[in-house]
N, C-alpha and C. Protein backbone atom coordinates (compact mmCIF):
# COMPACT_ATOMS: atom_id res chain seq x y z
N MET A 1 0.81 -1.18 0.00
CA MET A 1 0.00 0.00 0.00
C MET A 1 0.86 1.25 0.00
N ARG A 2 1.88 1.18 0.77
CA ARG A 2 2.78 2.31 0.88
C ARG A 2 3.42 2.61 -0.49
N MET A 3 3.71 1.59 -1.27
CA MET A 3 4.30 1.74 -2.58
C MET A 3 3.35 2.44 -3.55
N LEU A 4 2.07 2.19 -3.48
CA LEU A 4 1.09 2.82 -4.35
C LEU A 4 0.99 4.31 -4.07
N LYS A 5 1.17 4.72 -2.86
CA LYS A 5 1.14 6.16 -2.53
C LYS A 5 2.37 6.85 -3.07
N MET A 6 3.49 6.19 -3.19
CA MET A 6 4.74 6.78 -3.63
C MET A 6 4.77 6.99 -5.15
N VAL A 7 4.08 6.16 -5.91
CA VAL A 7 4.13 6.24 -7.38
C VAL A 7 3.64 7.61 -7.88
N PRO A 8 2.47 8.10 -7.44
CA PRO A 8 2.06 9.42 -7.91
C PRO A 8 3.03 10.51 -7.49
N VAL A 9 3.61 10.41 -6.33
CA VAL A 9 4.55 11.41 -5.86
C VAL A 9 5.80 11.38 -6.73
N LEU A 10 6.31 10.21 -7.04
CA LEU A 10 7.49 10.09 -7.89
C LEU A 10 7.21 10.61 -9.30
N ALA A 11 6.06 10.31 -9.81
CA ALA A 11 5.70 10.79 -11.15
C ALA A 11 5.64 12.31 -11.16
N MET A 12 5.12 12.91 -10.13
CA MET A 12 5.02 14.36 -10.02
C MET A 12 6.41 14.98 -9.93
N VAL A 13 7.29 14.39 -9.14
CA VAL A 13 8.65 14.90 -8.98
C VAL A 13 9.39 14.83 -10.31
N MET A 14 9.24 13.74 -11.04
CA MET A 14 9.91 13.59 -12.32
C MET A 14 9.37 14.60 -13.34
N LEU A 15 8.10 14.84 -13.35
CA LEU A 15 7.48 15.79 -14.26
C LEU A 15 7.97 17.19 -13.97
N VAL A 16 7.98 17.58 -12.73
CA VAL A 16 8.44 18.92 -12.33
C VAL A 16 9.92 19.05 -12.66
N GLY A 17 10.70 18.02 -12.39
CA GLY A 17 12.13 18.06 -12.68
C GLY A 17 12.40 18.26 -14.15
N CYS A 18 11.64 17.66 -15.04
CA CYS A 18 11.83 17.81 -16.48
C CYS A 18 11.49 19.21 -16.93
N LYS A 19 10.45 19.79 -16.40
CA LYS A 19 10.06 21.14 -16.79
C LYS A 19 11.10 22.16 -16.35
N LYS A 20 11.70 21.99 -15.18
CA LYS A 20 12.66 22.95 -14.68
C LYS A 20 13.98 22.89 -15.45
N SER A 21 14.38 21.70 -15.89
CA SER A 21 15.68 21.59 -16.54
C SER A 21 15.67 22.24 -17.91
N GLY A 22 14.55 22.21 -18.60
CA GLY A 22 14.45 22.81 -19.92
C GLY A 22 15.23 22.04 -20.97
N LYS A 23 15.79 20.91 -20.62
CA LYS A 23 16.55 20.12 -21.57
C LYS A 23 15.63 19.21 -22.35
N LYS A 24 15.93 19.06 -23.61
CA LYS A 24 15.18 18.13 -24.44
C LYS A 24 15.74 16.75 -24.23
N THR A 25 14.88 15.78 -24.31
CA THR A 25 15.33 14.40 -24.12
C THR A 25 15.61 13.72 -25.44
N GLU A 26 15.42 14.43 -26.56
CA GLU A 26 15.68 13.85 -27.87
C GLU A 26 17.18 13.73 -28.07
N ALA A 27 17.58 12.78 -28.87
CA ALA A 27 18.99 12.63 -29.17
C ALA A 27 19.42 13.76 -30.08
N SER A 28 20.60 14.29 -29.84
CA SER A 28 21.08 15.38 -30.68
C SER A 28 21.57 14.80 -32.00
N PRO A 29 21.47 15.57 -33.09
CA PRO A 29 21.90 15.06 -34.39
C PRO A 29 23.42 14.86 -34.39
N GLY A 30 23.88 14.06 -35.31
CA GLY A 30 25.31 13.79 -35.44
C GLY A 30 26.06 15.03 -35.89
N PRO A 31 27.35 14.89 -36.14
CA PRO A 31 28.15 16.04 -36.55
C PRO A 31 27.63 16.63 -37.86
N THR A 32 27.71 17.93 -37.95
CA THR A 32 27.25 18.62 -39.16
C THR A 32 28.46 19.12 -39.92
N SER A 33 28.24 19.50 -41.16
CA SER A 33 29.34 20.03 -41.95
C SER A 33 29.75 21.38 -41.38
N ALA A 34 30.96 21.77 -41.65
CA ALA A 34 31.49 23.02 -41.12
C ALA A 34 31.03 24.18 -41.99
N ALA A 35 29.77 24.50 -41.93
CA ALA A 35 29.23 25.63 -42.69
C ALA A 35 29.54 26.91 -41.93
N PRO A 36 29.82 28.01 -42.64
CA PRO A 36 30.10 29.26 -41.95
C PRO A 36 28.88 29.72 -41.18
N SER A 37 29.13 30.31 -40.04
CA SER A 37 28.02 30.79 -39.22
C SER A 37 27.45 32.06 -39.82
N ALA A 38 26.24 32.38 -39.45
CA ALA A 38 25.56 33.56 -39.98
C ALA A 38 26.28 34.83 -39.56
N SER A 39 27.01 34.79 -38.45
CA SER A 39 27.68 35.99 -37.98
C SER A 39 29.02 36.20 -38.66
N ALA A 40 29.55 35.21 -39.36
CA ALA A 40 30.82 35.36 -40.05
C ALA A 40 30.64 36.30 -41.24
N GLU A 41 31.51 37.30 -41.34
CA GLU A 41 31.42 38.25 -42.44
C GLU A 41 32.17 37.70 -43.65
N PRO A 42 31.59 37.85 -44.84
CA PRO A 42 32.31 37.41 -46.03
C PRO A 42 33.53 38.29 -46.26
N GLU A 43 34.52 37.75 -46.92
CA GLU A 43 35.73 38.52 -47.21
C GLU A 43 35.36 39.68 -48.13
N LYS A 44 35.77 40.88 -47.73
CA LYS A 44 35.44 42.06 -48.53
C LYS A 44 36.55 42.31 -49.54
N LYS A 45 36.14 42.47 -50.79
CA LYS A 45 37.08 42.77 -51.85
C LYS A 45 36.82 44.20 -52.30
N PRO A 46 37.86 44.94 -52.64
CA PRO A 46 37.63 46.32 -53.09
C PRO A 46 36.86 46.31 -54.40
N ALA A 47 35.97 47.26 -54.51
CA ALA A 47 35.18 47.39 -55.73
C ALA A 47 36.08 47.90 -56.85
N PRO A 48 35.87 47.41 -58.06
CA PRO A 48 36.69 47.92 -59.16
C PRO A 48 36.34 49.39 -59.40
N PRO A 49 37.32 50.17 -59.85
CA PRO A 49 37.03 51.58 -60.07
C PRO A 49 35.95 51.73 -61.15
N ALA A 50 35.06 52.66 -60.91
CA ALA A 50 33.98 52.91 -61.87
C ALA A 50 34.53 53.66 -63.08
N ALA A 51 33.93 53.44 -64.21
CA ALA A 51 34.37 54.09 -65.44
C ALA A 51 33.90 55.54 -65.46
N ILE A 52 34.78 56.41 -65.90
CA ILE A 52 34.44 57.82 -66.03
C ILE A 52 33.58 57.99 -67.26
N VAL A 53 32.42 58.61 -67.09
CA VAL A 53 31.48 58.77 -68.20
C VAL A 53 31.44 60.19 -68.74
N SER A 54 31.87 61.16 -67.93
CA SER A 54 31.88 62.55 -68.39
C SER A 54 32.76 63.38 -67.48
N SER A 55 32.97 64.62 -67.89
CA SER A 55 33.79 65.53 -67.09
C SER A 55 33.24 66.94 -67.19
N CYS A 56 33.70 67.78 -66.29
CA CYS A 56 33.29 69.18 -66.29
C CYS A 56 34.54 70.04 -66.13
N ASP A 57 34.80 70.86 -67.15
CA ASP A 57 35.92 71.81 -67.08
C ASP A 57 35.39 73.05 -66.39
N HIS A 58 35.86 73.28 -65.16
CA HIS A 58 35.37 74.41 -64.36
C HIS A 58 36.10 75.71 -64.66
N GLY A 59 37.10 75.67 -65.52
CA GLY A 59 37.94 76.85 -65.70
C GLY A 59 38.89 76.91 -64.51
N MET A 60 39.62 77.96 -64.34
CA MET A 60 40.54 78.14 -63.21
C MET A 60 41.44 76.91 -63.02
N SER A 61 41.77 76.22 -64.13
CA SER A 61 42.67 75.07 -64.12
C SER A 61 42.18 73.93 -63.23
N VAL A 62 40.88 73.69 -63.26
CA VAL A 62 40.26 72.62 -62.48
C VAL A 62 39.24 71.89 -63.37
N CYS A 63 39.21 70.56 -63.27
CA CYS A 63 38.28 69.74 -64.02
C CYS A 63 37.82 68.60 -63.12
N THR A 64 36.56 68.19 -63.23
CA THR A 64 36.03 67.09 -62.42
C THR A 64 35.56 65.96 -63.33
N ASP A 65 36.04 64.74 -63.03
CA ASP A 65 35.59 63.53 -63.72
C ASP A 65 34.40 62.96 -62.96
N TYR A 66 33.41 62.46 -63.70
CA TYR A 66 32.20 61.88 -63.09
C TYR A 66 32.00 60.44 -63.56
N VAL A 67 31.49 59.60 -62.68
CA VAL A 67 31.13 58.23 -63.02
C VAL A 67 29.62 58.08 -63.17
N ASP A 68 28.88 59.10 -62.76
CA ASP A 68 27.41 59.09 -62.83
C ASP A 68 26.95 60.22 -63.75
N PRO A 69 26.37 59.88 -64.91
CA PRO A 69 25.96 60.93 -65.85
C PRO A 69 24.93 61.90 -65.28
N ALA A 70 24.03 61.41 -64.46
CA ALA A 70 23.02 62.30 -63.86
C ALA A 70 23.67 63.31 -62.93
N GLN A 71 24.66 62.85 -62.17
CA GLN A 71 25.37 63.74 -61.26
C GLN A 71 26.15 64.79 -62.05
N ALA A 72 26.75 64.38 -63.14
CA ALA A 72 27.50 65.31 -63.98
C ALA A 72 26.58 66.42 -64.51
N LYS A 73 25.40 66.04 -64.98
CA LYS A 73 24.46 67.04 -65.49
C LYS A 73 23.95 67.97 -64.40
N GLU A 74 23.79 67.42 -63.20
CA GLU A 74 23.30 68.23 -62.08
C GLU A 74 24.36 69.21 -61.59
N LEU A 75 25.63 68.76 -61.53
CA LEU A 75 26.69 69.58 -60.94
C LEU A 75 27.51 70.37 -61.94
N CYS A 76 27.31 70.16 -63.22
CA CYS A 76 28.05 70.89 -64.24
C CYS A 76 27.07 71.54 -65.20
N ARG A 77 26.58 72.69 -64.81
CA ARG A 77 25.61 73.40 -65.64
C ARG A 77 26.34 74.42 -66.51
N PRO A 78 26.23 74.28 -67.83
CA PRO A 78 26.92 75.21 -68.73
C PRO A 78 26.60 76.66 -68.40
N GLY A 79 27.63 77.48 -68.44
CA GLY A 79 27.47 78.90 -68.16
C GLY A 79 27.53 79.23 -66.67
N MET A 80 27.37 78.25 -65.80
CA MET A 80 27.42 78.51 -64.36
C MET A 80 28.58 77.77 -63.70
N ASP A 81 28.64 76.45 -63.91
CA ASP A 81 29.62 75.63 -63.22
C ASP A 81 30.76 75.17 -64.12
N GLY A 82 30.58 75.24 -65.40
CA GLY A 82 31.63 74.80 -66.31
C GLY A 82 31.09 74.26 -67.61
N THR A 83 31.96 73.55 -68.31
CA THR A 83 31.62 72.98 -69.61
C THR A 83 31.61 71.47 -69.49
N LEU A 84 30.46 70.87 -69.78
CA LEU A 84 30.28 69.42 -69.68
C LEU A 84 30.83 68.75 -70.94
N SER A 85 31.52 67.61 -70.73
CA SER A 85 32.08 66.85 -71.84
C SER A 85 31.82 65.36 -71.61
N GLU A 86 31.75 64.59 -72.69
CA GLU A 86 31.59 63.15 -72.58
C GLU A 86 32.94 62.43 -72.51
N LYS A 87 34.02 63.20 -72.41
CA LYS A 87 35.36 62.64 -72.30
C LYS A 87 35.90 62.91 -70.90
N PRO A 88 36.85 62.08 -70.43
CA PRO A 88 37.47 62.35 -69.13
C PRO A 88 38.31 63.63 -69.16
N CYS A 89 38.62 64.14 -67.98
CA CYS A 89 39.50 65.31 -67.86
C CYS A 89 40.87 64.96 -68.44
N PRO A 90 41.58 65.96 -68.98
CA PRO A 90 42.93 65.69 -69.47
C PRO A 90 43.87 65.28 -68.33
N THR A 91 44.91 64.55 -68.66
CA THR A 91 45.86 64.10 -67.63
C THR A 91 47.14 64.93 -67.63
N GLU A 92 47.40 65.66 -68.68
CA GLU A 92 48.63 66.45 -68.78
C GLU A 92 48.56 67.66 -67.85
N GLY A 93 49.63 67.87 -67.08
CA GLY A 93 49.73 69.03 -66.20
C GLY A 93 49.02 68.89 -64.87
N VAL A 94 48.55 67.70 -64.50
CA VAL A 94 47.85 67.49 -63.23
C VAL A 94 48.85 67.56 -62.08
N VAL A 95 48.58 68.44 -61.09
CA VAL A 95 49.43 68.50 -59.89
C VAL A 95 48.86 67.64 -58.76
N GLY A 96 47.59 67.28 -58.87
CA GLY A 96 46.97 66.44 -57.87
C GLY A 96 45.51 66.21 -58.18
N SER A 97 44.97 65.16 -57.54
CA SER A 97 43.57 64.80 -57.72
C SER A 97 42.90 64.70 -56.36
N CYS A 98 41.61 64.99 -56.36
CA CYS A 98 40.82 64.99 -55.13
C CYS A 98 39.66 64.03 -55.30
N ALA A 99 39.69 62.91 -54.56
CA ALA A 99 38.57 61.96 -54.57
C ALA A 99 37.45 62.58 -53.74
N LEU A 100 36.38 62.96 -54.39
CA LEU A 100 35.28 63.65 -53.72
C LEU A 100 34.37 62.67 -52.99
N PRO A 101 33.74 63.14 -51.91
CA PRO A 101 32.90 62.24 -51.12
C PRO A 101 31.61 61.81 -51.81
N GLU A 102 31.23 62.43 -52.90
CA GLU A 102 29.96 62.08 -53.54
C GLU A 102 30.09 60.97 -54.57
N GLY A 103 30.70 59.87 -54.19
CA GLY A 103 30.63 58.63 -54.96
C GLY A 103 31.36 58.52 -56.26
N GLY A 104 32.66 58.62 -56.28
CA GLY A 104 33.43 58.32 -57.47
C GLY A 104 33.89 59.51 -58.29
N SER A 105 33.45 60.70 -57.96
CA SER A 105 33.90 61.88 -58.70
C SER A 105 35.33 62.23 -58.29
N ILE A 106 36.11 62.70 -59.26
CA ILE A 106 37.50 63.08 -59.00
C ILE A 106 37.74 64.47 -59.57
N ARG A 107 38.15 65.38 -58.72
CA ARG A 107 38.47 66.75 -59.13
C ARG A 107 39.97 66.81 -59.40
N ARG A 108 40.36 67.33 -60.56
CA ARG A 108 41.76 67.40 -60.96
C ARG A 108 42.22 68.86 -60.99
N TYR A 109 43.40 69.07 -60.43
CA TYR A 109 44.00 70.41 -60.37
C TYR A 109 45.21 70.44 -61.31
N TYR A 110 45.34 71.52 -62.09
CA TYR A 110 46.37 71.63 -63.12
C TYR A 110 47.36 72.75 -62.83
N SER A 111 48.62 72.52 -63.26
CA SER A 111 49.67 73.53 -63.11
C SER A 111 49.70 74.48 -64.30
N THR A 112 48.85 74.24 -65.27
CA THR A 112 48.78 75.08 -66.48
C THR A 112 47.39 75.68 -66.59
N GLY A 113 47.23 76.58 -67.55
CA GLY A 113 45.91 77.14 -67.80
C GLY A 113 45.73 78.53 -67.20
N GLU A 114 44.49 78.98 -67.12
CA GLU A 114 44.19 80.35 -66.72
C GLU A 114 44.47 80.68 -65.25
N SER A 115 44.47 79.70 -64.38
CA SER A 115 44.73 79.93 -62.96
C SER A 115 45.49 78.73 -62.39
N PRO A 116 46.80 78.62 -62.73
CA PRO A 116 47.57 77.44 -62.35
C PRO A 116 47.54 77.17 -60.83
N ASN A 117 47.55 75.88 -60.50
CA ASN A 117 47.56 75.43 -59.11
C ASN A 117 48.92 74.82 -58.77
N ASP A 118 49.28 74.87 -57.49
CA ASP A 118 50.42 74.09 -57.02
C ASP A 118 49.86 72.99 -56.11
N ALA A 119 50.69 71.99 -55.80
CA ALA A 119 50.21 70.84 -55.03
C ALA A 119 49.70 71.25 -53.65
N ALA A 120 50.38 72.17 -52.97
CA ALA A 120 49.96 72.56 -51.61
C ALA A 120 48.60 73.26 -51.64
N GLY A 121 48.41 74.17 -52.59
CA GLY A 121 47.13 74.87 -52.69
C GLY A 121 46.00 73.93 -53.10
N ALA A 122 46.30 73.01 -54.02
CA ALA A 122 45.30 72.03 -54.47
C ALA A 122 44.90 71.12 -53.31
N GLU A 123 45.88 70.66 -52.53
CA GLU A 123 45.58 69.79 -51.40
C GLU A 123 44.73 70.50 -50.35
N ALA A 124 45.05 71.75 -50.06
CA ALA A 124 44.27 72.52 -49.08
C ALA A 124 42.83 72.70 -49.57
N HIS A 125 42.65 73.01 -50.84
CA HIS A 125 41.30 73.20 -51.39
C HIS A 125 40.52 71.88 -51.34
N CYS A 126 41.18 70.80 -51.73
CA CYS A 126 40.54 69.47 -51.74
C CYS A 126 40.03 69.11 -50.35
N LYS A 127 40.89 69.22 -49.36
CA LYS A 127 40.52 68.80 -48.00
C LYS A 127 39.54 69.77 -47.34
N ASN A 128 39.79 71.07 -47.45
CA ASN A 128 38.99 72.05 -46.71
C ASN A 128 37.70 72.44 -47.41
N ALA A 129 37.74 72.69 -48.70
CA ALA A 129 36.54 73.17 -49.41
C ALA A 129 35.70 72.02 -49.98
N MET A 130 36.38 70.94 -50.38
CA MET A 130 35.67 69.85 -51.04
C MET A 130 35.41 68.66 -50.13
N GLY A 131 36.09 68.57 -49.01
CA GLY A 131 35.93 67.43 -48.10
C GLY A 131 36.41 66.13 -48.69
N GLY A 132 37.41 66.22 -49.58
CA GLY A 132 37.90 65.03 -50.28
C GLY A 132 39.21 64.51 -49.77
N THR A 133 39.74 63.54 -50.51
CA THR A 133 41.03 62.92 -50.20
C THR A 133 41.97 63.23 -51.35
N PHE A 134 43.08 63.89 -51.03
CA PHE A 134 44.02 64.38 -52.04
C PHE A 134 45.09 63.35 -52.36
N THR A 135 45.41 63.23 -53.65
CA THR A 135 46.53 62.41 -54.11
C THR A 135 47.40 63.29 -55.00
N PRO A 136 48.65 63.53 -54.63
CA PRO A 136 49.51 64.39 -55.45
C PRO A 136 49.83 63.76 -56.81
N GLY A 137 49.95 64.62 -57.80
CA GLY A 137 50.41 64.22 -59.12
C GLY A 137 49.63 63.16 -59.85
N SER A 138 48.37 63.00 -59.60
CA SER A 138 47.65 61.95 -60.31
C SER A 138 46.45 62.47 -61.05
């Protein structure tokens, strides 16, 4: 008789114990393939340089190359900002280039023309007025 009273108590203890542990009683699956985890970042490769589609001769020995035709038309308005061309800026006489923050545009400074630039002045203008990254002689 005493044993019959213990069975419901043991069953209750086992049930409560299973709920508290939160462990599943199913067998875990075997080893899995070594797939990358979702948190692993893929290797980043630098994007290839975009092709220059047009340029704007601003006068004052400055020209900007554009990779986006819409941006070129917006930022190079004839009679106000310069002369739009479907060719890249010339490379002869460049004292430095300024990679502009607006996505692939490059402003080129020249040592020749109506208002020649030197590398120090071009670098200061690039960094301070344009917010760009200057590269000498390119």
